[in-house]
Amino acid sequence: MQDLRYIKERQMNTARGEAQFSLYEGTIIFDSQQLTIPVLAAEGVPEILIGLAWLETQRLVVDRKARVLILGED
């Protein structure tokens, strides 16, 4: 993560009920490509969350057996 900028607080539903999330905008460098992604953080939620809206604009391939993750262009 290169940069992280706070945006706002947001109430969201989770599997455990409603939770208060902090929304940030993060800048990452992935395979020499700079990308801006939404980042959500909440007390008691240890997982990293990448927004579905952002993933819908990116190519994502995960092959766990081969230990390969591809994110980006073809």
N, C-alpha and C. Protein backbone atom coordinates (compact mmCIF):
# COMPACT_ATOMS: atom_id res chain seq x y z
N MET A 1 0.86 -1.16 0.00
CA MET A 1 0.00 0.00 0.00
C MET A 1 0.90 1.22 0.00
N GLN A 2 0.80 2.04 -1.03
CA GLN A 2 1.59 3.26 -1.16
C GLN A 2 1.02 4.41 -0.34
N ASP A 3 -0.28 4.58 -0.40
CA ASP A 3 -0.92 5.75 0.20
C ASP A 3 -2.31 5.35 0.66
N LEU A 4 -2.77 5.94 1.75
CA LEU A 4 -4.10 5.65 2.27
C LEU A 4 -4.73 6.95 2.73
N ARG A 5 -5.89 7.29 2.15
CA ARG A 5 -6.57 8.55 2.46
C ARG A 5 -7.96 8.25 3.00
N TYR A 6 -8.28 8.82 4.18
CA TYR A 6 -9.59 8.63 4.81
C TYR A 6 -10.67 9.34 3.99
N ILE A 7 -11.82 8.67 3.79
CA ILE A 7 -12.94 9.25 3.04
C ILE A 7 -14.11 9.58 3.99
N LYS A 8 -14.69 8.54 4.65
CA LYS A 8 -15.84 8.77 5.54
C LYS A 8 -16.16 7.51 6.33
N GLU A 9 -17.07 7.65 7.29
CA GLU A 9 -17.62 6.51 8.03
C GLU A 9 -18.85 6.02 7.29
N ARG A 10 -19.10 4.70 7.40
CA ARG A 10 -20.22 4.12 6.67
C ARG A 10 -20.79 2.93 7.45
N GLN A 11 -22.10 2.90 7.65
CA GLN A 11 -22.78 1.78 8.30
C GLN A 11 -23.04 0.72 7.24
N MET A 12 -22.64 -0.54 7.51
CA MET A 12 -22.81 -1.61 6.53
C MET A 12 -23.28 -2.88 7.22
N ASN A 13 -23.95 -3.75 6.46
CA ASN A 13 -24.38 -5.05 6.96
C ASN A 13 -23.25 -6.06 6.77
N THR A 14 -23.06 -6.90 7.77
CA THR A 14 -22.10 -8.00 7.69
C THR A 14 -22.83 -9.29 8.07
N ALA A 15 -22.13 -10.41 8.01
CA ALA A 15 -22.73 -11.68 8.41
C ALA A 15 -23.09 -11.67 9.89
N ARG A 16 -22.44 -10.81 10.67
CA ARG A 16 -22.70 -10.71 12.12
C ARG A 16 -23.63 -9.56 12.47
N GLY A 17 -24.24 -8.93 11.50
CA GLY A 17 -25.12 -7.79 11.75
C GLY A 17 -24.50 -6.50 11.23
N GLU A 18 -25.04 -5.36 11.67
CA GLU A 18 -24.53 -4.07 11.21
C GLU A 18 -23.22 -3.73 11.90
N ALA A 19 -22.35 -3.01 11.17
CA ALA A 19 -21.07 -2.57 11.73
C ALA A 19 -20.73 -1.21 11.14
N GLN A 20 -19.99 -0.43 11.90
CA GLN A 20 -19.51 0.88 11.45
C GLN A 20 -18.15 0.69 10.79
N PHE A 21 -18.04 1.06 9.52
CA PHE A 21 -16.79 0.92 8.77
C PHE A 21 -16.21 2.29 8.46
N SER A 22 -14.89 2.34 8.43
CA SER A 22 -14.18 3.52 7.94
C SER A 22 -13.81 3.23 6.50
N LEU A 23 -14.13 4.15 5.59
CA LEU A 23 -13.83 3.99 4.18
C LEU A 23 -12.60 4.82 3.85
N TYR A 24 -11.63 4.18 3.22
CA TYR A 24 -10.40 4.84 2.79
C TYR A 24 -10.21 4.63 1.30
N GLU A 25 -9.38 5.45 0.70
CA GLU A 25 -8.96 5.26 -0.69
C GLU A 25 -7.48 4.94 -0.64
N GLY A 26 -7.11 3.78 -1.16
CA GLY A 26 -5.72 3.36 -1.12
C GLY A 26 -5.09 3.32 -2.49
N THR A 27 -3.80 3.57 -2.53
CA THR A 27 -3.04 3.48 -3.77
C THR A 27 -2.05 2.34 -3.63
N ILE A 28 -2.10 1.38 -4.56
CA ILE A 28 -1.17 0.26 -4.53
C ILE A 28 -0.43 0.18 -5.86
N ILE A 29 0.73 -0.42 -5.82
CA ILE A 29 1.48 -0.73 -7.04
C ILE A 29 1.43 -2.25 -7.18
N PHE A 30 0.86 -2.71 -8.27
CA PHE A 30 0.73 -4.14 -8.51
C PHE A 30 1.27 -4.43 -9.89
N ASP A 31 2.35 -5.20 -9.96
CA ASP A 31 2.97 -5.55 -11.25
C ASP A 31 3.29 -4.29 -12.06
N SER A 32 3.91 -3.32 -11.40
CA SER A 32 4.33 -2.04 -11.99
C SER A 32 3.17 -1.14 -12.43
N GLN A 33 1.96 -1.47 -12.05
CA GLN A 33 0.79 -0.68 -12.40
C GLN A 33 0.22 -0.04 -11.14
N GLN A 34 0.02 1.28 -11.15
CA GLN A 34 -0.56 1.97 -10.00
C GLN A 34 -2.07 1.91 -10.07
N LEU A 35 -2.69 1.44 -8.97
CA LEU A 35 -4.14 1.28 -8.92
C LEU A 35 -4.67 1.98 -7.67
N THR A 36 -5.86 2.57 -7.79
CA THR A 36 -6.55 3.18 -6.65
C THR A 36 -7.71 2.27 -6.29
N ILE A 37 -7.77 1.86 -5.02
CA ILE A 37 -8.79 0.92 -4.58
C ILE A 37 -9.50 1.42 -3.33
N PRO A 38 -10.78 1.06 -3.14
CA PRO A 38 -11.46 1.36 -1.88
C PRO A 38 -10.99 0.37 -0.81
N VAL A 39 -10.80 0.86 0.40
CA VAL A 39 -10.37 0.02 1.53
C VAL A 39 -11.34 0.25 2.68
N LEU A 40 -11.86 -0.82 3.25
CA LEU A 40 -12.79 -0.73 4.39
C LEU A 40 -12.12 -1.30 5.63
N ALA A 41 -12.31 -0.63 6.76
CA ALA A 41 -11.77 -1.11 8.03
C ALA A 41 -12.84 -0.98 9.10
N ALA A 42 -12.91 -1.99 9.97
CA ALA A 42 -13.88 -1.95 11.08
C ALA A 42 -13.31 -2.70 12.27
N GLU A 43 -13.66 -2.25 13.44
CA GLU A 43 -13.26 -2.92 14.68
C GLU A 43 -13.81 -4.34 14.67
N GLY A 44 -12.97 -5.32 14.93
CA GLY A 44 -13.40 -6.71 15.00
C GLY A 44 -13.52 -7.41 13.66
N VAL A 45 -13.10 -6.78 12.57
CA VAL A 45 -13.12 -7.41 11.24
C VAL A 45 -11.67 -7.48 10.76
N PRO A 46 -11.00 -8.63 10.96
CA PRO A 46 -9.58 -8.73 10.62
C PRO A 46 -9.30 -8.95 9.13
N GLU A 47 -10.32 -9.33 8.36
CA GLU A 47 -10.11 -9.65 6.95
C GLU A 47 -9.88 -8.39 6.12
N ILE A 48 -9.14 -8.54 5.04
CA ILE A 48 -8.96 -7.47 4.07
C ILE A 48 -10.15 -7.52 3.13
N LEU A 49 -10.80 -6.38 2.89
CA LEU A 49 -11.97 -6.31 2.03
C LEU A 49 -11.65 -5.52 0.78
N ILE A 50 -11.84 -6.11 -0.38
CA ILE A 50 -11.68 -5.40 -1.64
C ILE A 50 -13.06 -5.31 -2.26
N GLY A 51 -13.51 -4.11 -2.57
CA GLY A 51 -14.86 -3.89 -3.04
C GLY A 51 -15.19 -4.59 -4.34
N LEU A 52 -16.37 -5.18 -4.40
CA LEU A 52 -16.83 -5.87 -5.60
C LEU A 52 -16.89 -4.92 -6.79
N ALA A 53 -17.32 -3.69 -6.57
CA ALA A 53 -17.39 -2.73 -7.68
C ALA A 53 -16.01 -2.54 -8.32
N TRP A 54 -14.97 -2.50 -7.51
CA TRP A 54 -13.61 -2.35 -8.05
C TRP A 54 -13.19 -3.61 -8.80
N LEU A 55 -13.50 -4.79 -8.24
CA LEU A 55 -13.12 -6.04 -8.90
C LEU A 55 -13.86 -6.25 -10.22
N GLU A 56 -15.05 -5.68 -10.36
CA GLU A 56 -15.78 -5.82 -11.62
C GLU A 56 -15.09 -5.12 -12.78
N THR A 57 -14.18 -4.21 -12.51
CA THR A 57 -13.47 -3.51 -13.58
C THR A 57 -12.08 -4.09 -13.82
N GLN A 58 -11.70 -5.11 -13.07
CA GLN A 58 -10.37 -5.70 -13.17
C GLN A 58 -10.46 -7.17 -13.54
N ARG A 59 -9.43 -7.68 -14.19
CA ARG A 59 -9.33 -9.12 -14.45
C ARG A 59 -8.70 -9.76 -13.21
N LEU A 60 -9.34 -10.79 -12.67
CA LEU A 60 -8.83 -11.48 -11.50
C LEU A 60 -8.83 -12.98 -11.76
N VAL A 61 -7.66 -13.61 -11.66
CA VAL A 61 -7.52 -15.05 -11.82
C VAL A 61 -6.79 -15.58 -10.59
N VAL A 62 -7.39 -16.58 -9.94
CA VAL A 62 -6.76 -17.20 -8.78
C VAL A 62 -6.68 -18.70 -9.03
N ASP A 63 -5.45 -19.22 -9.01
CA ASP A 63 -5.21 -20.66 -9.13
C ASP A 63 -4.43 -21.07 -7.88
N ARG A 64 -5.16 -21.47 -6.85
CA ARG A 64 -4.51 -21.77 -5.55
C ARG A 64 -3.56 -22.95 -5.66
N LYS A 65 -3.92 -23.96 -6.45
CA LYS A 65 -3.05 -25.13 -6.58
C LYS A 65 -1.70 -24.75 -7.17
N ALA A 66 -1.72 -23.88 -8.17
CA ALA A 66 -0.47 -23.43 -8.80
C ALA A 66 0.16 -22.25 -8.06
N ARG A 67 -0.53 -21.73 -7.02
CA ARG A 67 -0.07 -20.58 -6.25
C ARG A 67 0.12 -19.35 -7.15
N VAL A 68 -0.91 -19.11 -8.00
CA VAL A 68 -0.86 -17.99 -8.95
C VAL A 68 -2.05 -17.07 -8.69
N LEU A 69 -1.76 -15.77 -8.66
CA LEU A 69 -2.80 -14.74 -8.58
C LEU A 69 -2.49 -13.71 -9.65
N ILE A 70 -3.44 -13.46 -10.53
CA ILE A 70 -3.27 -12.47 -11.59
C ILE A 70 -4.36 -11.42 -11.42
N LEU A 71 -3.97 -10.18 -11.31
CA LEU A 71 -4.91 -9.08 -11.19
C LEU A 71 -4.49 -8.01 -12.17
N GLY A 72 -5.36 -7.69 -13.12
CA GLY A 72 -5.03 -6.64 -14.07
C GLY A 72 -5.41 -7.02 -15.48
N GLU A 73 -4.66 -6.47 -16.40
CA GLU A 73 -4.97 -6.63 -17.83
C GLU A 73 -4.60 -8.01 -18.33
N ASP A 74 -5.17 -8.38 -19.50
CA ASP A 74 -4.88 -9.69 -20.13
C ASP A 74 -3.43 -9.83 -20.48
